[in-house]
Amino acid sequence: MDFALDDEERDIRDTVRRFVQRELLPREPEFLRRERSGEPGLPHDELVELQHKARSFGFWGLATPTGWGGMGLPAMLQSLITTELATTCVPFRFGGAADNILFAATPAQQRAYLSPTISGARRGCFALTEPGAGSDARAITTTARRDGTDWLINGQKTFITGGNEADYAIVFAVAEPGITAFLVDREQGWTSTPIPTMGSWHEPATLFLDDVRVPDSAVLGEVGKGFELAMRWIGKGRHTIAAQCIGIAARCLQMAVDHANTRETFGRPIGTNQGIGWMLADSETELEAGRWLALRAAWDADRGADARHAAAIAKLYCTGMVGRVVDRALQVHGGLGYTRELPLEWWYRSVRVMRIFEGTDEMQRMIISRDLLRGHSRIGGHLAHP
């Protein structure tokens, strides 16, 4: 059993690490200043500029198949890259990406939505959650009814990431014979309003659809098969969220270690105090446990196994772990950590949502326990006795 990275994995990780150190970390003070002033921390034009700079050395479309101009990287490498990017609060993401379910589009839809999204010319959003349907996605009430050769869509979506900036939405609605996905341009009539939150990620949106008319060609996939597409989208993101938590926790722990070595009270560094030292030790232990859970979920995805169980474990543990590590790092910094001069306060608020979106803690626990009770997963996973 070899836990070492191969040369390619190490080179890619190190390239991303250098990009973060040279291009993103120096932007943190201005990012935080803008956040304090109520401005966008990383304006879209700056994001695009950074994305094209990254593209100049080959980083474009991490998960996008090579046939579409992307890198087609395996989940393990995507996990390593996500971890590196998460070590800064500057919310950079590599360009060239599109929702994985857009690859189920027809050739005409691919030309209208997939290709422009990969190139960066268009921006979409995934519109599933509703005021009365969060964890229970099958309970959505947005409807789509036939009207001649068209569909009329009515309903409301909420907490939609990127919904305020998107020019089209993948809308899930109840249509005979079941939940169906539609590609709906903003110009076809849906509107959005921002939702203020306690965190500082891009504000999610509420989407309103009132008799929005779309042609039959707007159906993504097959009529009645939209729920399967939605689950494919949600499942893909869970091990990535876990990897993001690892990066945030690693940066916060490093900040705590550095501060504990340099801040002195009563004539000695505060790190020599047992109370501080134990917080560092607990954080390192939990961080390393989470790291291997996140990588295990990505490894399962790469080897073609059903990664849902491992991803649920990784998301459940890592999203709780990062909150505890950030809290301890803030405590080690004392009053300085509570200020908005450092990213600790920003992360303290922002990571809380990770235990909610793309499957709450409670949903992950339900998935894990159900798999065990039904025999879908063995205790010990692939290392368990046959």
Protein backbone atom coordinates (compact mmCIF):
# COMPACT_ATOMS: atom_id res chain seq x y z
CA MET A 1 0.00 0.00 0.00
CA ASP A 2 1.65 3.21 -1.23
CA PHE A 3 0.39 6.62 -0.10
CA ALA A 4 3.04 8.59 -2.03
CA LEU A 5 2.16 10.91 -4.90
CA ASP A 6 3.57 10.03 -8.30
CA ASP A 7 5.64 12.55 -10.27
CA GLU A 8 2.68 13.89 -12.27
CA GLU A 9 0.51 14.36 -9.19
CA ARG A 10 3.33 16.11 -7.33
CA ASP A 11 4.13 18.39 -10.29
CA ILE A 12 0.49 19.44 -10.73
CA ARG A 13 0.01 20.03 -7.01
CA ASP A 14 3.19 22.08 -6.79
CA THR A 15 2.27 24.16 -9.85
CA VAL A 16 -1.07 25.04 -8.29
CA ARG A 17 0.62 25.79 -4.98
CA ARG A 18 2.98 28.24 -6.67
CA PHE A 19 0.04 29.87 -8.44
CA VAL A 20 -1.72 30.36 -5.11
CA GLN A 21 1.41 31.81 -3.50
CA ARG A 22 2.22 34.19 -6.36
CA GLU A 23 -1.20 35.24 -7.64
CA LEU A 24 -3.78 34.73 -4.90
CA LEU A 25 -2.24 35.15 -1.46
CA PRO A 26 -0.99 38.69 -2.28
CA ARG A 27 -4.60 39.62 -3.11
CA GLU A 28 -5.95 38.65 0.31
CA PRO A 29 -5.60 42.06 2.00
CA GLU A 30 -7.47 43.80 -0.85
CA PHE A 31 -10.04 41.00 -0.95
CA LEU A 32 -10.75 41.43 2.75
CA ARG A 33 -10.83 45.24 2.43
CA ARG A 34 -13.43 44.98 -0.31
CA GLU A 35 -15.45 42.51 1.74
CA ARG A 36 -15.43 44.91 4.69
CA SER A 37 -16.65 47.69 2.38
CA GLY A 38 -19.47 45.58 0.96
CA GLU A 39 -17.81 45.30 -2.45
CA PRO A 40 -17.27 42.09 -4.45
CA GLY A 41 -14.09 40.60 -3.01
CA LEU A 42 -12.94 39.28 -6.38
CA PRO A 43 -14.68 41.12 -9.25
CA HIS A 44 -15.60 38.99 -12.24
CA ASP A 45 -13.15 40.70 -14.57
CA GLU A 46 -10.27 39.96 -12.17
CA LEU A 47 -11.38 36.35 -11.90
CA VAL A 48 -11.41 36.00 -15.69
CA GLU A 49 -7.96 37.62 -15.90
CA LEU A 50 -6.60 35.11 -13.40
CA GLN A 51 -8.28 32.21 -15.19
CA HIS A 52 -6.62 33.14 -18.47
CA LYS A 53 -3.28 33.50 -16.71
CA ALA A 54 -3.72 29.97 -15.40
CA ARG A 55 -4.74 28.77 -18.85
CA SER A 56 -1.44 30.04 -20.24
CA PHE A 57 0.35 27.24 -18.39
CA GLY A 58 -2.24 24.58 -19.19
CA PHE A 59 -4.83 24.76 -16.42
CA TRP A 60 -8.24 24.89 -18.03
CA GLY A 61 -11.28 22.68 -17.34
CA LEU A 62 -9.93 20.37 -14.65
CA ALA A 63 -12.78 17.88 -14.95
CA THR A 64 -13.73 18.75 -18.54
CA PRO A 65 -12.94 15.91 -20.97
CA THR A 66 -9.96 16.49 -23.23
CA GLY A 67 -12.25 16.28 -26.26
CA TRP A 68 -13.89 19.48 -25.04
CA GLY A 69 -10.60 21.25 -24.44
CA GLY A 70 -10.21 20.39 -20.76
CA MET A 71 -7.64 18.47 -18.75
CA GLY A 72 -9.86 15.49 -17.94
CA LEU A 73 -8.15 15.00 -14.59
CA PRO A 74 -9.06 12.10 -12.30
CA ALA A 75 -10.90 12.81 -9.06
CA MET A 76 -7.75 12.33 -6.97
CA LEU A 77 -5.91 15.12 -8.77
CA GLN A 78 -8.99 17.35 -8.66
CA SER A 79 -9.08 16.78 -4.91
CA LEU A 80 -5.42 17.76 -4.50
CA ILE A 81 -5.92 20.90 -6.60
CA THR A 82 -9.08 21.88 -4.70
CA THR A 83 -7.20 21.57 -1.42
CA GLU A 84 -4.43 23.89 -2.64
CA LEU A 85 -6.87 26.53 -3.91
CA ALA A 86 -8.76 26.48 -0.61
CA THR A 87 -5.70 27.59 1.35
CA THR A 88 -6.59 31.19 0.45
CA CYS A 89 -9.82 33.05 1.06
CA VAL A 90 -9.63 34.57 -2.45
CA PRO A 91 -12.40 32.58 -4.22
CA PHE A 92 -10.55 31.62 -7.38
CA ARG A 93 -11.65 28.71 -9.55
CA PHE A 94 -10.07 27.51 -12.78
CA GLY A 95 -11.99 28.30 -15.95
CA GLY A 96 -13.22 25.86 -18.57
CA ALA A 97 -15.71 24.04 -16.35
CA ALA A 98 -19.36 23.19 -16.88
CA ASP A 99 -21.93 21.29 -14.84
CA ASN A 100 -21.28 17.59 -15.32
CA ILE A 101 -24.89 16.91 -16.33
CA LEU A 102 -24.60 19.31 -19.27
CA PHE A 103 -22.70 16.57 -21.06
CA ALA A 104 -26.06 14.77 -21.31
CA ALA A 105 -27.22 17.57 -23.62
CA THR A 106 -28.16 17.07 -27.26
CA PRO A 107 -25.70 18.30 -29.91
CA ALA A 108 -27.78 21.47 -30.38
CA GLN A 109 -27.89 22.08 -26.61
CA GLN A 110 -24.17 21.47 -26.38
CA ARG A 111 -23.57 24.20 -28.95
CA ALA A 112 -25.94 26.60 -27.18
CA TYR A 113 -24.97 25.90 -23.55
CA LEU A 114 -22.09 23.48 -22.99
CA SER A 115 -19.49 24.94 -25.34
CA PRO A 116 -20.14 28.60 -24.35
CA THR A 117 -20.02 27.65 -20.66
CA ILE A 118 -16.68 25.89 -21.06
CA SER A 119 -15.28 28.89 -22.95
CA GLY A 120 -16.58 31.30 -20.30
CA ALA A 121 -18.97 33.11 -22.63
CA ARG A 122 -22.02 31.90 -20.67
CA ARG A 123 -22.79 31.32 -17.00
CA GLY A 124 -25.33 28.82 -15.71
CA CYS A 125 -26.78 27.73 -12.38
CA PHE A 126 -28.26 24.53 -10.97
CA ALA A 127 -31.84 25.21 -9.82
CA LEU A 128 -33.21 22.34 -7.74
CA THR A 129 -33.75 23.52 -4.13
CA GLU A 130 -37.07 25.12 -3.21
CA PRO A 131 -38.44 26.75 -0.04
CA GLY A 132 -40.21 23.49 0.83
CA ALA A 133 -37.79 21.05 -0.76
CA GLY A 134 -34.20 21.02 0.39
CA SER A 135 -32.96 17.65 1.61
CA ASP A 136 -36.09 15.99 0.17
CA ALA A 137 -35.48 16.90 -3.45
CA ARG A 138 -38.39 14.76 -4.66
CA ALA A 139 -40.75 17.16 -2.86
CA ILE A 140 -40.22 19.99 -5.36
CA THR A 141 -43.45 21.70 -6.44
CA THR A 142 -42.25 23.69 -9.45
CA THR A 143 -44.33 22.44 -12.35
CA ALA A 144 -43.91 22.16 -16.09
CA ARG A 145 -47.04 21.51 -18.16
CA ARG A 146 -47.32 21.07 -21.85
CA ASP A 147 -48.87 23.85 -23.90
CA GLY A 148 -48.90 22.73 -27.51
CA THR A 149 -45.30 22.03 -28.46
CA ASP A 150 -44.00 24.14 -25.57
CA TRP A 151 -43.76 23.85 -21.78
CA LEU A 152 -44.96 26.40 -19.22
CA ILE A 153 -42.86 26.39 -16.04
CA ASN A 154 -44.15 27.81 -12.76
CA GLY A 155 -42.49 27.82 -9.37
CA GLN A 156 -39.79 29.20 -7.11
CA LYS A 157 -36.25 28.06 -6.44
CA THR A 158 -34.11 29.18 -3.53
CA PHE A 159 -30.49 29.15 -2.32
CA ILE A 160 -29.31 28.81 -5.90
CA THR A 161 -25.54 29.30 -6.15
CA GLY A 162 -24.65 31.68 -8.96
CA GLY A 163 -28.30 32.40 -9.63
CA ASN A 164 -27.83 36.17 -9.64
CA GLU A 165 -25.04 36.06 -12.21
CA ALA A 166 -26.33 33.26 -14.45
CA ASP A 167 -27.81 33.88 -17.88
CA TYR A 168 -29.39 30.42 -17.95
CA ALA A 169 -30.56 27.90 -15.37
CA ILE A 170 -30.92 24.13 -15.24
CA VAL A 171 -34.42 24.08 -13.76
CA PHE A 172 -35.94 20.94 -12.27
CA ALA A 173 -39.73 20.73 -12.41
CA VAL A 174 -42.49 18.17 -11.99
CA ALA A 175 -43.69 17.19 -15.44
CA GLU A 176 -45.65 14.13 -16.46
CA PRO A 177 -44.36 11.44 -15.93
CA GLY A 178 -41.86 12.77 -13.37
CA ILE A 179 -39.19 15.31 -12.45
CA THR A 180 -37.63 16.77 -15.59
CA ALA A 181 -34.65 19.05 -16.18
CA PHE A 182 -34.98 22.09 -18.45
CA LEU A 183 -32.41 24.51 -19.85
CA VAL A 184 -34.01 27.93 -19.39
CA ASP A 185 -32.48 31.21 -20.55
CA ARG A 186 -32.96 34.22 -18.29
CA GLU A 187 -34.35 36.13 -21.28
CA GLN A 188 -37.19 33.60 -21.39
CA GLY A 189 -38.63 35.20 -18.29
CA TRP A 190 -37.23 34.00 -14.98
CA THR A 191 -35.99 36.54 -12.48
CA SER A 192 -33.76 36.38 -9.41
CA THR A 193 -33.14 38.21 -6.15
CA PRO A 194 -30.11 37.83 -3.84
CA ILE A 195 -30.37 36.17 -0.41
CA PRO A 196 -28.18 37.81 2.26
CA THR A 197 -26.39 35.20 4.39
CA MET A 198 -24.04 35.15 7.37
CA GLY A 199 -21.21 33.96 5.15
CA SER A 200 -19.25 35.84 2.53
CA TRP A 201 -19.48 33.50 -0.42
CA HIS A 202 -21.30 34.81 -3.47
CA GLU A 203 -24.86 35.50 -2.35
CA PRO A 204 -27.23 32.72 -3.38
CA ALA A 205 -30.43 33.61 -5.19
CA THR A 206 -34.13 33.00 -5.21
CA LEU A 207 -35.43 32.33 -8.72
CA PHE A 208 -38.99 33.09 -9.77
CA LEU A 209 -40.64 31.38 -12.73
CA ASP A 210 -44.10 32.59 -13.71
CA ASP A 211 -45.47 30.94 -16.85
CA VAL A 212 -41.98 30.79 -18.33
CA ARG A 213 -42.42 29.33 -21.81
CA VAL A 214 -39.73 27.05 -23.22
CA PRO A 215 -39.75 24.81 -26.30
CA ASP A 216 -39.64 21.04 -26.13
CA SER A 217 -35.99 21.28 -27.17
CA ALA A 218 -35.23 22.77 -23.72
CA VAL A 219 -35.58 19.38 -22.01
CA LEU A 220 -32.19 18.20 -20.74
CA GLY A 221 -31.93 14.44 -21.00
CA GLU A 222 -35.29 12.69 -21.01
CA VAL A 223 -38.70 13.75 -19.74
CA GLY A 224 -39.22 12.20 -16.30
CA LYS A 225 -35.50 11.42 -15.82
CA GLY A 226 -34.42 14.68 -14.24
CA PHE A 227 -34.06 13.38 -10.69
CA GLU A 228 -31.30 11.00 -11.76
CA LEU A 229 -29.45 13.91 -13.36
CA ALA A 230 -29.84 15.98 -10.19
CA MET A 231 -28.39 13.22 -8.02
CA ARG A 232 -25.47 12.80 -10.42
CA TRP A 233 -24.70 16.52 -10.02
CA ILE A 234 -24.99 16.51 -6.21
CA GLY A 235 -23.02 13.30 -5.69
CA LYS A 236 -20.07 14.55 -7.72
CA GLY A 237 -19.55 17.55 -5.46
CA ARG A 238 -19.30 15.91 -2.04
CA HIS A 239 -15.70 14.70 -2.15
CA THR A 240 -14.73 18.10 -3.61
CA ILE A 241 -16.31 19.88 -0.63
CA ALA A 242 -14.31 17.62 1.69
CA ALA A 243 -11.10 18.53 -0.15
CA GLN A 244 -11.94 22.22 0.16
CA CYS A 245 -12.34 21.79 3.91
CA ILE A 246 -8.86 20.24 4.09
CA GLY A 247 -7.28 23.27 2.42
CA ILE A 248 -9.04 25.77 4.67
CA ALA A 249 -8.19 23.82 7.82
CA ALA A 250 -4.55 23.43 6.80
CA ARG A 251 -4.13 27.18 6.25
CA CYS A 252 -5.85 28.06 9.54
CA LEU A 253 -3.77 25.56 11.48
CA GLN A 254 -0.57 26.94 9.95
CA MET A 255 -1.63 30.45 10.95
CA ALA A 256 -2.26 29.20 14.50
CA VAL A 257 1.15 27.49 14.66
CA ASP A 258 2.94 30.60 13.39
CA HIS A 259 1.13 32.83 15.87
CA ALA A 260 1.74 30.42 18.75
CA ASN A 261 5.48 30.52 17.98
CA THR A 262 5.75 34.31 17.80
CA ARG A 263 3.16 35.70 20.23
CA GLU A 264 4.61 35.94 23.73
CA THR A 265 2.90 36.30 27.09
CA PHE A 266 4.58 36.16 30.48
CA GLY A 267 7.94 36.06 28.76
CA ARG A 268 7.47 33.02 26.54
CA PRO A 269 5.68 31.98 23.31
CA ILE A 270 2.06 31.04 23.92
CA GLY A 271 2.63 27.74 22.12
CA THR A 272 4.53 26.49 25.16
CA ASN A 273 1.30 26.63 27.16
CA GLN A 274 -0.41 23.26 27.36
CA GLY A 275 -3.83 24.74 26.59
CA ILE A 276 -2.57 26.16 23.28
CA GLY A 277 -0.47 23.12 22.41
CA TRP A 278 -3.38 20.76 22.81
CA MET A 279 -5.55 22.83 20.50
CA LEU A 280 -2.85 22.55 17.85
CA ALA A 281 -2.49 18.82 18.42
CA ASP A 282 -6.23 18.18 18.22
CA SER A 283 -6.47 20.23 15.02
CA GLU A 284 -3.58 18.38 13.35
CA THR A 285 -5.08 15.00 14.28
CA GLU A 286 -8.51 15.85 12.93
CA LEU A 287 -7.07 17.46 9.80
CA GLU A 288 -5.06 14.38 8.91
CA ALA A 289 -8.03 12.07 9.52
CA GLY A 290 -10.13 14.25 7.23
CA ARG A 291 -7.41 14.36 4.57
CA TRP A 292 -7.44 10.59 4.15
CA LEU A 293 -11.24 10.42 4.16
CA ALA A 294 -11.36 13.00 1.36
CA LEU A 295 -8.70 11.24 -0.69
CA ARG A 296 -10.36 7.86 -0.12
CA ALA A 297 -13.63 9.18 -1.57
CA ALA A 298 -11.79 10.53 -4.62
CA TRP A 299 -9.89 7.24 -4.99
CA ASP A 300 -13.16 5.30 -4.95
CA ALA A 301 -14.51 7.54 -7.71
CA ASP A 302 -11.39 7.01 -9.82
CA ARG A 303 -11.46 3.22 -9.55
CA GLY A 304 -15.06 3.07 -10.72
CA ALA A 305 -16.50 2.03 -7.37
CA ASP A 306 -19.73 3.41 -5.95
CA ALA A 307 -18.24 6.38 -4.11
CA ARG A 308 -21.43 7.62 -2.47
CA HIS A 309 -20.76 5.98 0.90
CA ALA A 310 -17.16 7.19 1.13
CA ALA A 311 -18.17 10.66 -0.08
CA ALA A 312 -20.90 10.89 2.56
CA ILE A 313 -18.41 9.95 5.30
CA ALA A 314 -15.86 12.47 3.97
CA LYS A 315 -18.36 15.31 3.72
CA LEU A 316 -19.86 14.62 7.15
CA TYR A 317 -16.51 14.50 8.92
CA CYS A 318 -14.60 17.19 7.04
CA THR A 319 -17.30 19.85 7.17
CA GLY A 320 -17.48 19.45 10.94
CA MET A 321 -13.72 19.24 11.28
CA VAL A 322 -13.02 22.50 9.45
CA GLY A 323 -15.38 24.40 11.74
CA ARG A 324 -13.56 23.12 14.81
CA VAL A 325 -10.12 23.89 13.39
CA VAL A 326 -11.08 27.42 12.36
CA ASP A 327 -12.58 28.01 15.80
CA ARG A 328 -9.39 26.88 17.55
CA ALA A 329 -7.19 28.96 15.22
CA LEU A 330 -9.28 32.03 15.98
CA GLN A 331 -9.02 31.29 19.71
CA VAL A 332 -5.23 30.97 19.50
CA HIS A 333 -5.11 34.44 17.90
CA GLY A 334 -7.26 35.92 20.66
CA GLY A 335 -8.70 39.35 19.91
CA LEU A 336 -6.70 39.63 16.69
CA GLY A 337 -8.48 36.56 15.32
CA TYR A 338 -11.85 38.20 15.98
CA THR A 339 -11.01 41.20 13.81
CA ARG A 340 -11.72 41.44 10.10
CA GLU A 341 -8.07 42.11 9.33
CA LEU A 342 -7.33 38.38 9.10
CA PRO A 343 -9.20 35.78 7.05
CA LEU A 344 -9.99 33.73 10.19
CA GLU A 345 -13.17 35.67 10.94
CA TRP A 346 -14.20 35.37 7.28
CA TRP A 347 -13.69 31.61 7.32
CA TYR A 348 -15.40 31.27 10.71
CA ARG A 349 -18.63 32.53 9.15
CA SER A 350 -18.19 31.06 5.71
CA VAL A 351 -17.47 27.40 6.51
CA ARG A 352 -20.72 26.98 8.45
CA VAL A 353 -22.72 26.52 5.25
CA MET A 354 -20.67 23.48 4.29
CA ARG A 355 -22.62 21.39 6.79
CA ILE A 356 -25.82 22.38 4.99
CA PHE A 357 -25.41 22.58 1.22
CA GLU A 358 -25.22 19.57 -1.09
CA GLY A 359 -26.57 17.35 1.68
CA THR A 360 -26.86 18.28 5.35
CA ASP A 361 -25.05 16.45 8.14
CA GLU A 362 -28.29 14.66 8.89
CA MET A 363 -28.65 13.46 5.29
CA GLN A 364 -25.07 12.15 5.28
CA ARG A 365 -25.74 10.23 8.49
CA MET A 366 -28.90 8.78 6.96
CA ILE A 367 -26.98 7.64 3.86
CA ILE A 368 -24.18 6.07 5.91
CA SER A 369 -26.46 4.25 8.35
CA ARG A 370 -28.83 3.08 5.59
CA ASP A 371 -25.94 1.62 3.61
CA LEU A 372 -24.79 -0.32 6.66
CA LEU A 373 -28.24 -1.55 7.65
CA ARG A 374 -29.06 -2.70 4.12
CA GLY A 375 -25.69 -4.33 3.57
CA HIS A 376 -24.74 -1.98 0.74
CA SER A 377 -21.46 -1.20 2.47
CA ARG A 378 -19.24 -3.33 4.64
CA ILE A 379 -17.58 -2.08 7.77
CA GLY A 380 -13.98 -1.53 6.73
CA GLY A 381 -14.85 -0.89 3.09
CA HIS A 382 -12.54 -2.47 0.50
CA LEU A 383 -10.21 -3.68 3.28
CA ALA A 384 -12.98 -5.65 4.98
CA HIS A 385 -12.90 -9.44 5.00
CA PRO A 386 -14.94 -10.97 2.17
